[in-house]
């Protein structure tokens, strides 16, 4: 193993609050762990399915998401999931961006050499 990492895509789909808390804590642990040679700019969190509800600006973890984004972590919401659940991109926490399809973005990132981490 060379130790070279092109990036990591973290895929979160569960709408369960406990699963979300565990996933978010794992992303924070990855971001803060200096033994893993992945700069924040190489971490992409893709959220789709029922989990997009946790990305709303009025959710308890909105500030944490904004801090991650400010540090360079890309946090992406699936537009398809937002539409299915009746959310608007305007309602997302600051720093959260959208992609048309979360699963397509996960696939694209893997094609470009990113490791895949499904959380929780």
N, C-alpha and C. Protein backbone atom coordinates (compact mmCIF):
# COMPACT_ATOMS: atom_id res chain seq x y z
N UNK A 1 0.84 -1.18 0.00
CA UNK A 1 0.00 0.00 0.00
C UNK A 1 0.88 1.24 0.00
N UNK A 2 0.62 2.14 -0.92
CA UNK A 2 1.50 3.29 -1.12
C UNK A 2 1.29 4.40 -0.11
N UNK A 3 0.13 4.46 0.53
CA UNK A 3 -0.13 5.55 1.45
C UNK A 3 -0.72 6.77 0.76
N UNK A 4 -0.78 6.73 -0.58
CA UNK A 4 -1.35 7.85 -1.33
C UNK A 4 -2.86 7.68 -1.44
N UNK A 5 -3.58 8.73 -1.07
CA UNK A 5 -5.03 8.71 -1.15
C UNK A 5 -5.46 9.88 -2.01
N UNK A 6 -6.25 9.60 -3.06
CA UNK A 6 -6.77 10.67 -3.90
C UNK A 6 -7.86 11.45 -3.20
N UNK A 7 -8.53 10.82 -2.29
CA UNK A 7 -9.62 11.44 -1.56
C UNK A 7 -10.51 10.38 -0.97
N UNK A 8 -11.48 10.82 -0.20
CA UNK A 8 -12.43 9.91 0.43
C UNK A 8 -13.82 10.47 0.21
N UNK A 9 -14.71 9.62 -0.27
CA UNK A 9 -16.11 9.99 -0.34
C UNK A 9 -16.84 9.26 0.78
N UNK A 10 -17.53 10.03 1.60
CA UNK A 10 -18.30 9.50 2.71
C UNK A 10 -19.76 9.56 2.28
N UNK A 11 -20.43 8.42 2.28
CA UNK A 11 -21.80 8.32 1.78
C UNK A 11 -22.75 8.08 2.94
N UNK A 12 -23.70 8.99 3.14
CA UNK A 12 -24.65 8.90 4.25
C UNK A 12 -26.07 8.90 3.68
N UNK A 13 -26.87 7.91 4.07
CA UNK A 13 -28.22 7.79 3.53
C UNK A 13 -29.31 7.63 4.59
N UNK A 14 -28.98 7.22 5.78
CA UNK A 14 -29.99 6.88 6.78
C UNK A 14 -30.69 8.12 7.34
N UNK A 15 -32.00 8.04 7.45
CA UNK A 15 -32.78 9.10 8.05
C UNK A 15 -32.94 8.96 9.55
N UNK A 16 -32.27 7.99 10.15
CA UNK A 16 -32.34 7.77 11.60
C UNK A 16 -31.40 8.75 12.31
N UNK A 17 -31.91 9.44 13.32
CA UNK A 17 -31.13 10.46 14.02
C UNK A 17 -29.88 9.88 14.68
N UNK A 18 -29.96 8.69 15.26
CA UNK A 18 -28.78 8.08 15.88
C UNK A 18 -27.74 7.73 14.83
N UNK A 19 -28.19 7.21 13.68
CA UNK A 19 -27.26 6.92 12.58
C UNK A 19 -26.57 8.20 12.11
N UNK A 20 -27.35 9.29 12.00
CA UNK A 20 -26.78 10.56 11.56
C UNK A 20 -25.71 11.03 12.54
N UNK A 21 -26.00 10.98 13.83
CA UNK A 21 -25.04 11.42 14.84
C UNK A 21 -23.75 10.60 14.75
N UNK A 22 -23.90 9.29 14.58
CA UNK A 22 -22.73 8.42 14.46
C UNK A 22 -21.93 8.76 13.20
N UNK A 23 -22.62 8.96 12.09
CA UNK A 23 -21.94 9.29 10.83
C UNK A 23 -21.22 10.62 10.94
N UNK A 24 -21.89 11.63 11.46
CA UNK A 24 -21.26 12.94 11.59
C UNK A 24 -20.05 12.88 12.50
N UNK A 25 -20.14 12.14 13.60
CA UNK A 25 -18.99 12.00 14.50
C UNK A 25 -17.83 11.30 13.78
N UNK A 26 -18.15 10.30 12.95
CA UNK A 26 -17.10 9.62 12.20
C UNK A 26 -16.42 10.55 11.19
N UNK A 27 -17.18 11.42 10.56
CA UNK A 27 -16.60 12.40 9.63
C UNK A 27 -15.69 13.34 10.40
N UNK A 28 -16.14 13.80 11.55
CA UNK A 28 -15.30 14.68 12.38
C UNK A 28 -14.03 13.96 12.82
N UNK A 29 -14.15 12.69 13.19
CA UNK A 29 -12.97 11.92 13.59
C UNK A 29 -11.98 11.80 12.43
N UNK A 30 -12.48 11.53 11.24
CA UNK A 30 -11.61 11.43 10.07
C UNK A 30 -10.93 12.76 9.81
N UNK A 31 -11.70 13.82 9.88
CA UNK A 31 -11.16 15.16 9.65
C UNK A 31 -10.07 15.51 10.66
N UNK A 32 -10.23 15.09 11.90
CA UNK A 32 -9.31 15.46 12.98
C UNK A 32 -8.16 14.50 13.19
N UNK A 33 -8.18 13.35 12.54
CA UNK A 33 -7.15 12.33 12.77
C UNK A 33 -5.93 12.58 11.88
N UNK A 34 -4.85 13.02 12.50
CA UNK A 34 -3.65 13.37 11.75
C UNK A 34 -2.89 12.14 11.23
N UNK A 35 -3.28 10.94 11.68
CA UNK A 35 -2.59 9.74 11.20
C UNK A 35 -3.08 9.30 9.82
N UNK A 36 -4.17 9.92 9.35
CA UNK A 36 -4.71 9.61 8.03
C UNK A 36 -4.36 10.77 7.10
N UNK A 37 -3.58 10.51 6.05
CA UNK A 37 -3.09 11.60 5.20
C UNK A 37 -4.13 12.12 4.21
N UNK A 38 -5.24 12.61 4.73
CA UNK A 38 -6.29 13.16 3.88
C UNK A 38 -6.59 14.58 4.35
N UNK A 39 -6.25 15.56 3.53
CA UNK A 39 -6.56 16.93 3.89
C UNK A 39 -8.07 17.15 3.77
N UNK A 40 -8.62 18.13 4.48
CA UNK A 40 -10.06 18.36 4.44
C UNK A 40 -10.61 18.52 3.03
N UNK A 41 -9.83 19.13 2.15
CA UNK A 41 -10.27 19.36 0.77
C UNK A 41 -10.47 18.05 0.00
N UNK A 42 -9.93 16.96 0.52
CA UNK A 42 -10.05 15.66 -0.16
C UNK A 42 -11.16 14.80 0.44
N UNK A 43 -11.90 15.35 1.39
CA UNK A 43 -13.03 14.64 1.98
C UNK A 43 -14.31 15.21 1.39
N UNK A 44 -15.12 14.34 0.81
CA UNK A 44 -16.42 14.75 0.28
C UNK A 44 -17.49 13.92 0.96
N UNK A 45 -18.45 14.59 1.57
CA UNK A 45 -19.57 13.93 2.21
C UNK A 45 -20.76 14.07 1.26
N UNK A 46 -21.27 12.93 0.79
CA UNK A 46 -22.44 12.93 -0.09
C UNK A 46 -23.62 12.37 0.70
N UNK A 47 -24.67 13.17 0.79
CA UNK A 47 -25.84 12.78 1.58
C UNK A 47 -27.03 12.66 0.63
N UNK A 48 -27.67 11.49 0.65
CA UNK A 48 -28.88 11.32 -0.15
C UNK A 48 -29.89 10.50 0.63
N UNK A 49 -31.03 10.28 0.00
CA UNK A 49 -32.10 9.57 0.69
C UNK A 49 -32.63 10.39 1.85
N UNK A 50 -33.19 9.70 2.83
CA UNK A 50 -33.81 10.37 3.97
C UNK A 50 -32.84 11.21 4.79
N UNK A 51 -31.55 10.95 4.67
CA UNK A 51 -30.56 11.69 5.47
C UNK A 51 -30.47 13.17 5.10
N UNK A 52 -30.97 13.57 3.93
CA UNK A 52 -30.87 14.99 3.56
C UNK A 52 -31.60 15.89 4.55
N UNK A 53 -32.51 15.33 5.31
CA UNK A 53 -33.24 16.16 6.28
C UNK A 53 -32.31 16.75 7.33
N UNK A 54 -31.20 16.08 7.60
CA UNK A 54 -30.26 16.56 8.61
C UNK A 54 -29.39 17.71 8.11
N UNK A 55 -29.48 18.03 6.82
CA UNK A 55 -28.68 19.10 6.24
C UNK A 55 -29.39 20.45 6.25
N UNK A 56 -30.60 20.47 6.77
CA UNK A 56 -31.38 21.71 6.78
C UNK A 56 -30.78 22.71 7.76
N UNK A 57 -30.90 24.00 7.42
CA UNK A 57 -30.33 25.07 8.24
C UNK A 57 -30.91 25.10 9.65
N UNK A 58 -32.13 24.59 9.83
CA UNK A 58 -32.74 24.63 11.16
C UNK A 58 -32.50 23.36 11.98
N UNK A 59 -31.68 22.47 11.47
CA UNK A 59 -31.35 21.24 12.21
C UNK A 59 -30.26 21.53 13.25
N UNK A 60 -30.20 20.74 14.33
CA UNK A 60 -29.23 21.00 15.41
C UNK A 60 -27.76 20.97 14.96
N UNK A 61 -27.43 20.20 13.93
CA UNK A 61 -26.02 20.08 13.53
C UNK A 61 -25.62 21.02 12.40
N UNK A 62 -26.47 21.97 12.07
CA UNK A 62 -26.19 22.88 10.96
C UNK A 62 -24.86 23.62 11.16
N UNK A 63 -24.59 24.08 12.38
CA UNK A 63 -23.33 24.80 12.64
C UNK A 63 -22.12 23.91 12.44
N UNK A 64 -22.24 22.65 12.85
CA UNK A 64 -21.14 21.71 12.68
C UNK A 64 -20.86 21.46 11.19
N UNK A 65 -21.92 21.36 10.41
CA UNK A 65 -21.77 21.17 8.96
C UNK A 65 -21.08 22.38 8.34
N UNK A 66 -21.48 23.57 8.77
CA UNK A 66 -20.87 24.79 8.24
C UNK A 66 -19.40 24.86 8.61
N UNK A 67 -19.05 24.46 9.83
CA UNK A 67 -17.64 24.45 10.24
C UNK A 67 -16.82 23.47 9.39
N UNK A 68 -17.39 22.29 9.13
CA UNK A 68 -16.70 21.33 8.26
C UNK A 68 -16.48 21.92 6.88
N UNK A 69 -17.52 22.54 6.33
CA UNK A 69 -17.41 23.15 5.00
C UNK A 69 -16.38 24.27 5.00
N UNK A 70 -16.38 25.08 6.04
CA UNK A 70 -15.41 26.17 6.15
C UNK A 70 -13.98 25.64 6.22
N UNK A 71 -13.81 24.43 6.79
CA UNK A 71 -12.49 23.82 6.91
C UNK A 71 -12.03 23.21 5.57
N UNK A 72 -12.95 23.10 4.61
CA UNK A 72 -12.58 22.56 3.31
C UNK A 72 -13.27 21.26 2.93
N UNK A 73 -13.98 20.65 3.87
CA UNK A 73 -14.71 19.42 3.57
C UNK A 73 -15.90 19.78 2.68
N UNK A 74 -16.06 19.05 1.58
CA UNK A 74 -17.21 19.27 0.71
C UNK A 74 -18.39 18.47 1.27
N UNK A 75 -19.51 19.16 1.50
CA UNK A 75 -20.73 18.52 1.96
C UNK A 75 -21.77 18.73 0.87
N UNK A 76 -22.23 17.61 0.28
CA UNK A 76 -23.11 17.67 -0.88
C UNK A 76 -24.43 16.97 -0.60
N UNK A 77 -25.52 17.63 -0.95
CA UNK A 77 -26.86 17.07 -0.81
C UNK A 77 -27.37 16.66 -2.19
N UNK A 78 -28.05 15.56 -2.25
CA UNK A 78 -28.66 15.07 -3.48
C UNK A 78 -29.93 15.87 -3.79
N UNK A 79 -29.95 16.54 -4.94
CA UNK A 79 -31.13 17.32 -5.33
C UNK A 79 -32.35 16.44 -5.53
N UNK A 80 -32.14 15.23 -6.06
CA UNK A 80 -33.26 14.31 -6.24
C UNK A 80 -33.92 13.99 -4.91
N UNK A 81 -33.11 13.71 -3.89
CA UNK A 81 -33.65 13.38 -2.57
C UNK A 81 -34.34 14.59 -1.95
N UNK A 82 -33.74 15.77 -2.10
CA UNK A 82 -34.36 16.98 -1.57
C UNK A 82 -35.76 17.16 -2.18
N UNK A 83 -35.85 17.01 -3.48
CA UNK A 83 -37.14 17.19 -4.17
C UNK A 83 -38.15 16.14 -3.72
N UNK A 84 -37.71 14.89 -3.60
CA UNK A 84 -38.61 13.82 -3.18
C UNK A 84 -39.20 14.07 -1.80
N UNK A 85 -38.39 14.68 -0.93
CA UNK A 85 -38.83 14.91 0.45
C UNK A 85 -39.42 16.30 0.66
N UNK A 86 -39.51 17.09 -0.41
CA UNK A 86 -40.14 18.40 -0.32
C UNK A 86 -39.26 19.49 0.25
N UNK A 87 -37.94 19.33 0.19
CA UNK A 87 -37.01 20.35 0.67
C UNK A 87 -36.48 21.16 -0.50
N UNK A 88 -36.03 22.36 -0.20
CA UNK A 88 -35.42 23.23 -1.20
C UNK A 88 -33.95 23.41 -0.86
N UNK A 89 -33.14 23.63 -1.89
CA UNK A 89 -31.71 23.89 -1.66
C UNK A 89 -31.52 25.16 -0.83
N UNK A 90 -32.48 26.06 -0.88
CA UNK A 90 -32.40 27.30 -0.11
C UNK A 90 -32.49 27.06 1.39
N UNK A 91 -32.97 25.89 1.79
CA UNK A 91 -33.15 25.56 3.20
C UNK A 91 -31.94 24.87 3.82
N UNK A 92 -30.90 24.62 3.01
CA UNK A 92 -29.74 23.88 3.50
C UNK A 92 -28.85 24.74 4.38
N UNK A 93 -28.13 24.08 5.28
CA UNK A 93 -27.16 24.77 6.13
C UNK A 93 -26.12 25.46 5.26
N UNK A 94 -25.59 26.53 5.77
CA UNK A 94 -24.58 27.28 5.05
C UNK A 94 -23.36 26.40 4.77
N UNK A 95 -22.89 26.40 3.54
CA UNK A 95 -21.73 25.60 3.16
C UNK A 95 -22.08 24.27 2.52
N UNK A 96 -23.35 23.87 2.60
CA UNK A 96 -23.78 22.63 1.96
C UNK A 96 -24.18 22.95 0.52
N UNK A 97 -23.60 22.21 -0.42
CA UNK A 97 -23.91 22.38 -1.83
C UNK A 97 -24.78 21.22 -2.30
N UNK A 98 -25.25 21.30 -3.54
CA UNK A 98 -26.08 20.23 -4.08
C UNK A 98 -25.44 19.62 -5.32
N UNK A 99 -25.82 18.38 -5.58
CA UNK A 99 -25.50 17.69 -6.83
C UNK A 99 -26.82 17.11 -7.33
N UNK A 100 -26.93 16.93 -8.64
CA UNK A 100 -28.18 16.41 -9.19
C UNK A 100 -28.54 15.06 -8.59
N UNK A 101 -27.57 14.15 -8.59
CA UNK A 101 -27.79 12.79 -8.11
C UNK A 101 -26.67 12.40 -7.15
N UNK A 102 -27.04 12.07 -5.92
CA UNK A 102 -26.04 11.66 -4.94
C UNK A 102 -25.31 10.40 -5.33
N UNK A 103 -26.04 9.40 -5.82
CA UNK A 103 -25.39 8.14 -6.18
C UNK A 103 -24.48 8.32 -7.39
N UNK A 104 -24.87 9.18 -8.31
CA UNK A 104 -24.00 9.45 -9.47
C UNK A 104 -22.71 10.14 -9.01
N UNK A 105 -22.83 11.07 -8.06
CA UNK A 105 -21.64 11.76 -7.55
C UNK A 105 -20.72 10.80 -6.82
N UNK A 106 -21.28 9.90 -6.03
CA UNK A 106 -20.47 8.90 -5.33
C UNK A 106 -19.73 8.05 -6.37
N UNK A 107 -20.42 7.63 -7.39
CA UNK A 107 -19.80 6.82 -8.45
C UNK A 107 -18.70 7.59 -9.16
N UNK A 108 -18.97 8.84 -9.50
CA UNK A 108 -17.98 9.68 -10.18
C UNK A 108 -16.72 9.83 -9.34
N UNK A 109 -16.90 10.09 -8.06
CA UNK A 109 -15.75 10.26 -7.16
C UNK A 109 -14.94 8.96 -7.06
N UNK A 110 -15.63 7.82 -7.02
CA UNK A 110 -14.91 6.55 -6.99
C UNK A 110 -14.13 6.33 -8.28
N UNK A 111 -14.72 6.66 -9.41
CA UNK A 111 -14.02 6.55 -10.70
C UNK A 111 -12.74 7.38 -10.71
N UNK A 112 -12.77 8.48 -9.96
CA UNK A 112 -11.60 9.37 -9.92
C UNK A 112 -10.66 9.04 -8.76
N UNK A 113 -10.75 7.82 -8.26
CA UNK A 113 -9.75 7.35 -7.31
C UNK A 113 -10.04 7.60 -5.83
N UNK A 114 -11.23 8.06 -5.51
CA UNK A 114 -11.57 8.29 -4.10
C UNK A 114 -11.94 6.98 -3.42
N UNK A 115 -11.48 6.84 -2.20
CA UNK A 115 -11.91 5.70 -1.39
C UNK A 115 -13.37 5.90 -1.00
N UNK A 116 -14.07 4.81 -0.71
CA UNK A 116 -15.49 4.87 -0.37
C UNK A 116 -15.70 4.46 1.07
N UNK A 117 -16.43 5.28 1.80
CA UNK A 117 -16.75 4.99 3.18
C UNK A 117 -18.25 5.20 3.37
N UNK A 118 -18.97 4.12 3.63
CA UNK A 118 -20.41 4.18 3.85
C UNK A 118 -20.64 4.30 5.35
N UNK A 119 -21.33 5.36 5.75
CA UNK A 119 -21.61 5.57 7.16
C UNK A 119 -23.11 5.70 7.37
N UNK A 120 -23.65 5.28 8.48
CA UNK A 120 -22.97 4.55 9.52
C UNK A 120 -22.77 3.09 9.10
